[in-house]
PDB file of N, CA and C in Angstrom:
ATOM      1  N   MET A   1     -52.595  32.920  -4.079  1.00  0.00           N
ATOM      2  CA  MET A   1     -53.150  32.601  -2.794  1.00  0.00           C
ATOM      3  C   MET A   1     -53.607  33.892  -2.116  1.00  0.00           C
ATOM      4  N   LEU A   2     -54.798  33.883  -1.609  1.00  0.00           N
ATOM      5  CA  LEU A   2     -55.336  35.016  -0.864  1.00  0.00           C
ATOM      6  C   LEU A   2     -55.355  34.662   0.617  1.00  0.00           C
ATOM      7  N   LYS A   3     -55.073  35.675   1.444  1.00  0.00           N
ATOM      8  CA  LYS A   3     -55.025  35.439   2.876  1.00  0.00           C
ATOM      9  C   LYS A   3     -55.559  36.663   3.599  1.00  0.00           C
ATOM     10  N   ASN A   4     -56.414  36.460   4.587  1.00  0.00           N
ATOM     11  CA  ASN A   4     -56.882  37.557   5.426  1.00  0.00           C
ATOM     12  C   ASN A   4     -55.832  37.848   6.485  1.00  0.00           C
ATOM     13  N   LEU A   5     -55.586  39.132   6.721  1.00  0.00           N
ATOM     14  CA  LEU A   5     -54.613  39.551   7.717  1.00  0.00           C
ATOM     15  C   LEU A   5     -55.262  40.496   8.707  1.00  0.00           C
ATOM     16  N   SER A   6     -54.714  40.510   9.888  1.00  0.00           N
ATOM     17  CA  SER A   6     -55.142  41.448  10.917  1.00  0.00           C
ATOM     18  C   SER A   6     -54.017  42.472  11.074  1.00  0.00           C
ATOM     19  N   SER A   7     -54.389  43.742  11.229  1.00  0.00           N
ATOM     20  CA  SER A   7     -53.387  44.798  11.274  1.00  0.00           C
ATOM     21  C   SER A   7     -53.644  45.741  12.440  1.00  0.00           C
ATOM     22  N   LEU A   8     -52.582  46.086  13.140  1.00  0.00           N
ATOM     23  CA  LEU A   8     -52.631  47.131  14.161  1.00  0.00           C
ATOM     24  C   LEU A   8     -51.841  48.311  13.624  1.00  0.00           C
ATOM     25  N   GLU A   9     -52.341  49.497  13.899  1.00  0.00           N
ATOM     26  CA  GLU A   9     -51.671  50.705  13.424  1.00  0.00           C
ATOM     27  C   GLU A   9     -51.609  51.708  14.563  1.00  0.00           C
ATOM     28  N   HIS A  10     -50.445  52.349  14.707  1.00  0.00           N
ATOM     29  CA  HIS A  10     -50.284  53.355  15.748  1.00  0.00           C
ATOM     30  C   HIS A  10     -49.484  54.527  15.193  1.00  0.00           C
ATOM     31  N   LYS A  11     -49.964  55.732  15.452  1.00  0.00           N
ATOM     32  CA  LYS A  11     -49.242  56.920  15.010  1.00  0.00           C
ATOM     33  C   LYS A  11     -48.485  57.486  16.199  1.00  0.00           C
ATOM     34  N   ALA A  12     -47.179  57.655  16.039  1.00  0.00           N
ATOM     35  CA  ALA A  12     -46.326  58.249  17.073  1.00  0.00           C
ATOM     36  C   ALA A  12     -45.521  59.343  16.396  1.00  0.00           C
ATOM     37  N   GLY A  13     -45.750  60.566  16.823  1.00  0.00           N
ATOM     38  CA  GLY A  13     -45.087  61.684  16.160  1.00  0.00           C
ATOM     39  C   GLY A  13     -45.630  61.821  14.759  1.00  0.00           C
ATOM     40  N   ASP A  14     -44.734  61.908  13.793  1.00  0.00           N
ATOM     41  CA  ASP A  14     -45.133  62.029  12.388  1.00  0.00           C
ATOM     42  C   ASP A  14     -45.127  60.692  11.659  1.00  0.00           C
ATOM     43  N   LYS A  15     -44.828  59.614  12.362  1.00  0.00           N
ATOM     44  CA  LYS A  15     -44.704  58.294  11.732  1.00  0.00           C
ATOM     45  C   LYS A  15     -45.894  57.408  12.094  1.00  0.00           C
ATOM     46  N   ILE A  16     -46.215  56.490  11.196  1.00  0.00           N
ATOM     47  CA  ILE A  16     -47.259  55.493  11.438  1.00  0.00           C
ATOM     48  C   ILE A  16     -46.589  54.124  11.464  1.00  0.00           C
ATOM     49  N   TYR A  17     -46.885  53.342  12.521  1.00  0.00           N
ATOM     50  CA  TYR A  17     -46.279  52.025  12.703  1.00  0.00           C
ATOM     51  C   TYR A  17     -47.353  50.959  12.558  1.00  0.00           C
ATOM     52  N   HIS A  18     -46.986  49.843  11.906  1.00  0.00           N
ATOM     53  CA  HIS A  18     -47.934  48.769  11.609  1.00  0.00           C
ATOM     54  C   HIS A  18     -47.447  47.448  12.183  1.00  0.00           C
ATOM     55  N   PHE A  19     -48.367  46.660  12.678  1.00  0.00           N
ATOM     56  CA  PHE A  19     -48.109  45.273  13.061  1.00  0.00           C
ATOM     57  C   PHE A  19     -49.142  44.440  12.330  1.00  0.00           C
ATOM     58  N   ILE A  20     -48.677  43.479  11.545  1.00  0.00           N
ATOM     59  CA  ILE A  20     -49.581  42.663  10.717  1.00  0.00           C
ATOM     60  C   ILE A  20     -49.370  41.193  11.061  1.00  0.00           C
ATOM     61  N   CYS A  21     -50.467  40.464  11.229  1.00  0.00           N
ATOM     62  CA  CYS A  21     -50.380  39.029  11.499  1.00  0.00           C
ATOM     63  C   CYS A  21     -51.605  38.332  10.907  1.00  0.00           C
ATOM     64  N   ASP A  22     -51.558  37.019  10.893  1.00  0.00           N
ATOM     65  CA  ASP A  22     -52.697  36.243  10.417  1.00  0.00           C
ATOM     66  C   ASP A  22     -53.887  36.473  11.353  1.00  0.00           C
ATOM     67  N   THR A  23     -55.084  36.452  10.794  1.00  0.00           N
ATOM     68  CA  THR A  23     -56.275  36.692  11.617  1.00  0.00           C
ATOM     69  C   THR A  23     -56.495  35.576  12.638  1.00  0.00           C
ATOM     70  N   ASP A  24     -55.994  34.393  12.362  1.00  0.00           N
ATOM     71  CA  ASP A  24     -56.189  33.274  13.292  1.00  0.00           C
ATOM     72  C   ASP A  24     -54.987  33.061  14.212  1.00  0.00           C
ATOM     73  N   SER A  25     -54.123  34.076  14.344  1.00  0.00           N
ATOM     74  CA  SER A  25     -52.948  33.959  15.211  1.00  0.00           C
ATOM     75  C   SER A  25     -53.370  33.857  16.672  1.00  0.00           C
ATOM     76  N   PRO A  26     -52.823  32.872  17.389  1.00  0.00           N
ATOM     77  CA  PRO A  26     -53.133  32.770  18.823  1.00  0.00           C
ATOM     78  C   PRO A  26     -52.558  33.985  19.565  1.00  0.00           C
ATOM     79  N   LEU A  27     -53.318  34.487  20.526  1.00  0.00           N
ATOM     80  CA  LEU A  27     -52.873  35.680  21.251  1.00  0.00           C
ATOM     81  C   LEU A  27     -51.532  35.483  21.948  1.00  0.00           C
ATOM     82  N   ASN A  28     -51.279  34.274  22.445  1.00  0.00           N
ATOM     83  CA  ASN A  28     -49.983  34.021  23.078  1.00  0.00           C
ATOM     84  C   ASN A  28     -48.837  34.202  22.091  1.00  0.00           C
ATOM     85  N   ASP A  29     -49.060  33.768  20.852  1.00  0.00           N
ATOM     86  CA  ASP A  29     -48.024  33.945  19.829  1.00  0.00           C
ATOM     87  C   ASP A  29     -47.847  35.415  19.461  1.00  0.00           C
ATOM     88  N   VAL A  30     -48.942  36.162  19.407  1.00  0.00           N
ATOM     89  CA  VAL A  30     -48.879  37.596  19.108  1.00  0.00           C
ATOM     90  C   VAL A  30     -48.102  38.303  20.210  1.00  0.00           C
ATOM     91  N   LYS A  31     -48.419  37.977  21.468  1.00  0.00           N
ATOM     92  CA  LYS A  31     -47.708  38.583  22.595  1.00  0.00           C
ATOM     93  C   LYS A  31     -46.226  38.231  22.552  1.00  0.00           C
ATOM     94  N   ASP A  32     -45.910  36.980  22.211  1.00  0.00           N
ATOM     95  CA  ASP A  32     -44.507  36.570  22.129  1.00  0.00           C
ATOM     96  C   ASP A  32     -43.785  37.338  21.024  1.00  0.00           C
ATOM     97  N   ALA A  33     -44.434  37.503  19.871  1.00  0.00           N
ATOM     98  CA  ALA A  33     -43.818  38.243  18.760  1.00  0.00           C
ATOM     99  C   ALA A  33     -43.554  39.690  19.173  1.00  0.00           C
ATOM    100  N   LEU A  34     -44.531  40.321  19.812  1.00  0.00           N
ATOM    101  CA  LEU A  34     -44.346  41.700  20.269  1.00  0.00           C
ATOM    102  C   LEU A  34     -43.225  41.790  21.298  1.00  0.00           C
ATOM    103  N   PHE A  35     -43.146  40.816  22.193  1.00  0.00           N
ATOM    104  CA  PHE A  35     -42.075  40.790  23.190  1.00  0.00           C
ATOM    105  C   PHE A  35     -40.708  40.684  22.506  1.00  0.00           C
ATOM    106  N   GLN A  36     -40.607  39.830  21.490  1.00  0.00           N
ATOM    107  CA  GLN A  36     -39.338  39.673  20.774  1.00  0.00           C
ATOM    108  C   GLN A  36     -38.946  40.971  20.067  1.00  0.00           C
ATOM    109  N   PHE A  37     -39.929  41.680  19.503  1.00  0.00           N
ATOM    110  CA  PHE A  37     -39.643  42.975  18.871  1.00  0.00           C
ATOM    111  C   PHE A  37     -39.112  43.970  19.903  1.00  0.00           C
ATOM    112  N   LEU A  38     -39.775  44.016  21.069  1.00  0.00           N
ATOM    113  CA  LEU A  38     -39.349  44.928  22.132  1.00  0.00           C
ATOM    114  C   LEU A  38     -37.947  44.572  22.634  1.00  0.00           C
ATOM    115  N   LYS A  39     -37.680  43.283  22.731  1.00  0.00           N
ATOM    116  CA  LYS A  39     -36.360  42.825  23.169  1.00  0.00           C
ATOM    117  C   LYS A  39     -35.286  43.274  22.169  1.00  0.00           C
ATOM    118  N   PHE A  40     -35.569  43.154  20.899  1.00  0.00           N
ATOM    119  CA  PHE A  40     -34.630  43.583  19.864  1.00  0.00           C
ATOM    120  C   PHE A  40     -34.383  45.087  19.952  1.00  0.00           C
ATOM    121  N   VAL A  41     -35.439  45.866  20.114  1.00  0.00           N
ATOM    122  CA  VAL A  41     -35.298  47.325  20.218  1.00  0.00           C
ATOM    123  C   VAL A  41     -34.474  47.673  21.460  1.00  0.00           C
ATOM    124  N   GLY A  42     -34.701  46.965  22.560  1.00  0.00           N
ATOM    125  CA  GLY A  42     -33.923  47.182  23.775  1.00  0.00           C
ATOM    126  C   GLY A  42     -32.442  46.909  23.557  1.00  0.00           C
ATOM    127  N   GLN A  43     -32.126  45.859  22.783  1.00  0.00           N
ATOM    128  CA  GLN A  43     -30.726  45.549  22.481  1.00  0.00           C
ATOM    129  C   GLN A  43     -30.096  46.653  21.642  1.00  0.00           C
ATOM    130  N   VAL A  44     -30.839  47.196  20.701  1.00  0.00           N
ATOM    131  CA  VAL A  44     -30.327  48.294  19.877  1.00  0.00           C
ATOM    132  C   VAL A  44     -30.065  49.512  20.766  1.00  0.00           C
ATOM    133  N   GLU A  45     -31.014  49.818  21.668  1.00  0.00           N
ATOM    134  CA  GLU A  45     -30.839  50.941  22.590  1.00  0.00           C
ATOM    135  C   GLU A  45     -29.594  50.750  23.454  1.00  0.00           C
ATOM    136  N   ASP A  46     -29.398  49.537  23.973  1.00  0.00           N
ATOM    137  CA  ASP A  46     -28.232  49.255  24.808  1.00  0.00           C
ATOM    138  C   ASP A  46     -26.934  49.426  24.029  1.00  0.00           C
ATOM    139  N   THR A  47     -26.922  48.985  22.775  1.00  0.00           N
ATOM    140  CA  THR A  47     -25.728  49.122  21.937  1.00  0.00           C
ATOM    141  C   THR A  47     -25.411  50.587  21.684  1.00  0.00           C
ATOM    142  N   VAL A  48     -26.422  51.369  21.366  1.00  0.00           N
ATOM    143  CA  VAL A  48     -26.217  52.803  21.107  1.00  0.00           C
ATOM    144  C   VAL A  48     -25.706  53.494  22.370  1.00  0.00           C
ATOM    145  N   LYS A  49     -26.307  53.168  23.514  1.00  0.00           N
ATOM    146  CA  LYS A  49     -25.886  53.779  24.781  1.00  0.00           C
ATOM    147  C   LYS A  49     -24.436  53.429  25.093  1.00  0.00           C
ATOM    148  N   ALA A  50     -24.050  52.171  24.882  1.00  0.00           N
ATOM    149  CA  ALA A  50     -22.673  51.752  25.147  1.00  0.00           C
ATOM    150  C   ALA A  50     -21.699  52.485  24.223  1.00  0.00           C
ATOM    151  N   GLN A  51     -22.064  52.641  22.959  1.00  0.00           N
ATOM    152  CA  GLN A  51     -21.202  53.359  22.020  1.00  0.00           C
ATOM    153  C   GLN A  51     -21.054  54.822  22.422  1.00  0.00           C
ATOM    154  N   GLN A  52     -22.150  55.443  22.860  1.00  0.00           N
ATOM    155  CA  GLN A  52     -22.086  56.841  23.286  1.00  0.00           C
ATOM    156  C   GLN A  52     -21.213  56.994  24.525  1.00  0.00           C
ATOM    157  N   GLU A  53     -21.328  56.075  25.480  1.00  0.00           N
ATOM    158  CA  GLU A  53     -20.508  56.131  26.683  1.00  0.00           C
ATOM    159  C   GLU A  53     -19.038  55.927  26.351  1.00  0.00           C
ATOM    160  N   LYS A  54     -18.767  55.018  25.406  1.00  0.00           N
ATOM    161  CA  LYS A  54     -17.384  54.774  24.988  1.00  0.00           C
ATOM    162  C   LYS A  54     -16.802  56.028  24.340  1.00  0.00           C
ATOM    163  N   MET A  55     -17.569  56.664  23.469  1.00  0.00           N
ATOM    164  CA  MET A  55     -17.093  57.880  22.808  1.00  0.00           C
ATOM    165  C   MET A  55     -16.861  58.993  23.827  1.00  0.00           C
ATOM    166  N   LYS A  56     -17.748  59.099  24.818  1.00  0.00           N
ATOM    167  CA  LYS A  56     -17.588  60.129  25.850  1.00  0.00           C
ATOM    168  C   LYS A  56     -16.347  59.852  26.681  1.00  0.00           C
ATOM    169  N   ALA A  57     -16.117  58.590  27.039  1.00  0.00           N
ATOM    170  CA  ALA A  57     -14.935  58.227  27.821  1.00  0.00           C
ATOM    171  C   ALA A  57     -13.655  58.532  27.046  1.00  0.00           C
ATOM    172  N   GLU A  58     -13.671  58.241  25.761  1.00  0.00           N
ATOM    173  CA  GLU A  58     -12.498  58.529  24.929  1.00  0.00           C
ATOM    174  C   GLU A  58     -12.272  60.031  24.834  1.00  0.00           C
ATOM    175  N   ALA A  59     -13.344  60.799  24.700  1.00  0.00           N
ATOM    176  CA  ALA A  59     -13.213  62.255  24.620  1.00  0.00           C
ATOM    177  C   ALA A  59     -12.706  62.824  25.941  1.00  0.00           C
ATOM    178  N   ASP A  60     -13.157  62.266  27.056  1.00  0.00           N
ATOM    179  CA  ASP A  60     -12.719  62.736  28.369  1.00  0.00           C
ATOM    180  C   ASP A  60     -11.258  62.389  28.635  1.00  0.00           C
ATOM    181  N   SER A  61     -10.787  61.284  28.057  1.00  0.00           N
ATOM    182  CA  SER A  61      -9.400  60.863  28.290  1.00  0.00           C
ATOM    183  C   SER A  61      -8.404  61.593  27.396  1.00  0.00           C
ATOM    184  N   GLN A  62      -8.891  62.262  26.371  1.00  0.00           N
ATOM    185  CA  GLN A  62      -8.018  63.036  25.486  1.00  0.00           C
ATOM    186  C   GLN A  62      -7.495  64.242  26.247  1.00  0.00           C
ATOM    187  N   PRO A  63      -6.198  64.557  26.102  1.00  0.00           N
ATOM    188  CA  PRO A  63      -5.697  65.765  26.768  1.00  0.00           C
ATOM    189  C   PRO A  63      -6.330  67.003  26.146  1.00  0.00           C
ATOM    190  N   LYS A  64      -6.759  67.894  27.024  1.00  0.00           N
ATOM    191  CA  LYS A  64      -7.397  69.113  26.546  1.00  0.00           C
ATOM    192  C   LYS A  64      -6.321  70.137  26.212  1.00  0.00           C
ATOM    193  N   PRO A  65      -6.524  70.901  25.147  1.00  0.00           N
ATOM    194  CA  PRO A  65      -5.531  71.921  24.819  1.00  0.00           C
ATOM    195  C   PRO A  65      -5.477  72.965  25.926  1.00  0.00           C
ATOM    196  N   GLN A  66      -4.251  73.351  26.276  1.00  0.00           N
ATOM    197  CA  GLN A  66      -4.088  74.344  27.331  1.00  0.00           C
ATOM    198  C   GLN A  66      -4.335  75.715  26.791  1.00  0.00           C
ATOM    199  N   GLU A  67      -4.967  76.520  27.634  1.00  0.00           N
ATOM    200  CA  GLU A  67      -5.216  77.912  27.216  1.00  0.00           C
ATOM    201  C   GLU A  67      -3.934  78.712  27.419  1.00  0.00           C
ATOM    202  N   GLU A  68      -3.666  79.578  26.477  1.00  0.00           N
ATOM    203  CA  GLU A  68      -2.481  80.415  26.598  1.00  0.00           C
ATOM    204  C   GLU A  68      -2.791  81.579  27.524  1.00  0.00           C
ATOM    205  N   ALA A  69      -1.786  81.968  28.313  1.00  0.00           N
ATOM    206  CA  ALA A  69      -1.946  83.116  29.183  1.00  0.00           C
ATOM    207  C   ALA A  69      -1.991  84.367  28.319  1.00  0.00           C
ATOM    208  N   PRO A  70      -2.775  85.363  28.724  1.00  0.00           N
ATOM    209  CA  PRO A  70      -2.838  86.593  27.933  1.00  0.00           C
ATOM    210  C   PRO A  70      -1.474  87.259  27.868  1.00  0.00           C
ATOM    211  N   LYS A  71      -1.140  87.724  26.709  1.00  0.00           N
ATOM    212  CA  LYS A  71       0.164  88.388  26.506  1.00  0.00           C
ATOM    213  C   LYS A  71       0.063  89.842  26.968  1.00  0.00           C
ATOM    214  N   THR A  72       1.060  90.251  27.699  1.00  0.00           N
ATOM    215  CA  THR A  72       1.124  91.648  28.131  1.00  0.00           C
ATOM    216  C   THR A  72       2.372  92.269  27.528  1.00  0.00           C
ATOM    217  N   GLU A  73       2.212  93.381  26.952  1.00  0.00           N
ATOM    218  CA  GLU A  73       3.368  94.051  26.331  1.00  0.00           C
ATOM    219  C   GLU A  73       3.658  95.333  27.010  1.00  0.00           C
TER     220      GLU A  73
END
């Protein structure tokens, strides 16, 4: 089976990103698909941020080693 596809390409930094869909895709469906992708990326960002905050809170709650006073002889 052969099928014509429509492709969007964007270069960001050193990477190239592609979005591929059927040529007869309704624009509302394309917009919805892009929105769902953005929503997923936002969820990943939120998860990473929460993990980083948790790690920072745990590090802050750890007792810090006390510095020894300089020895005088």
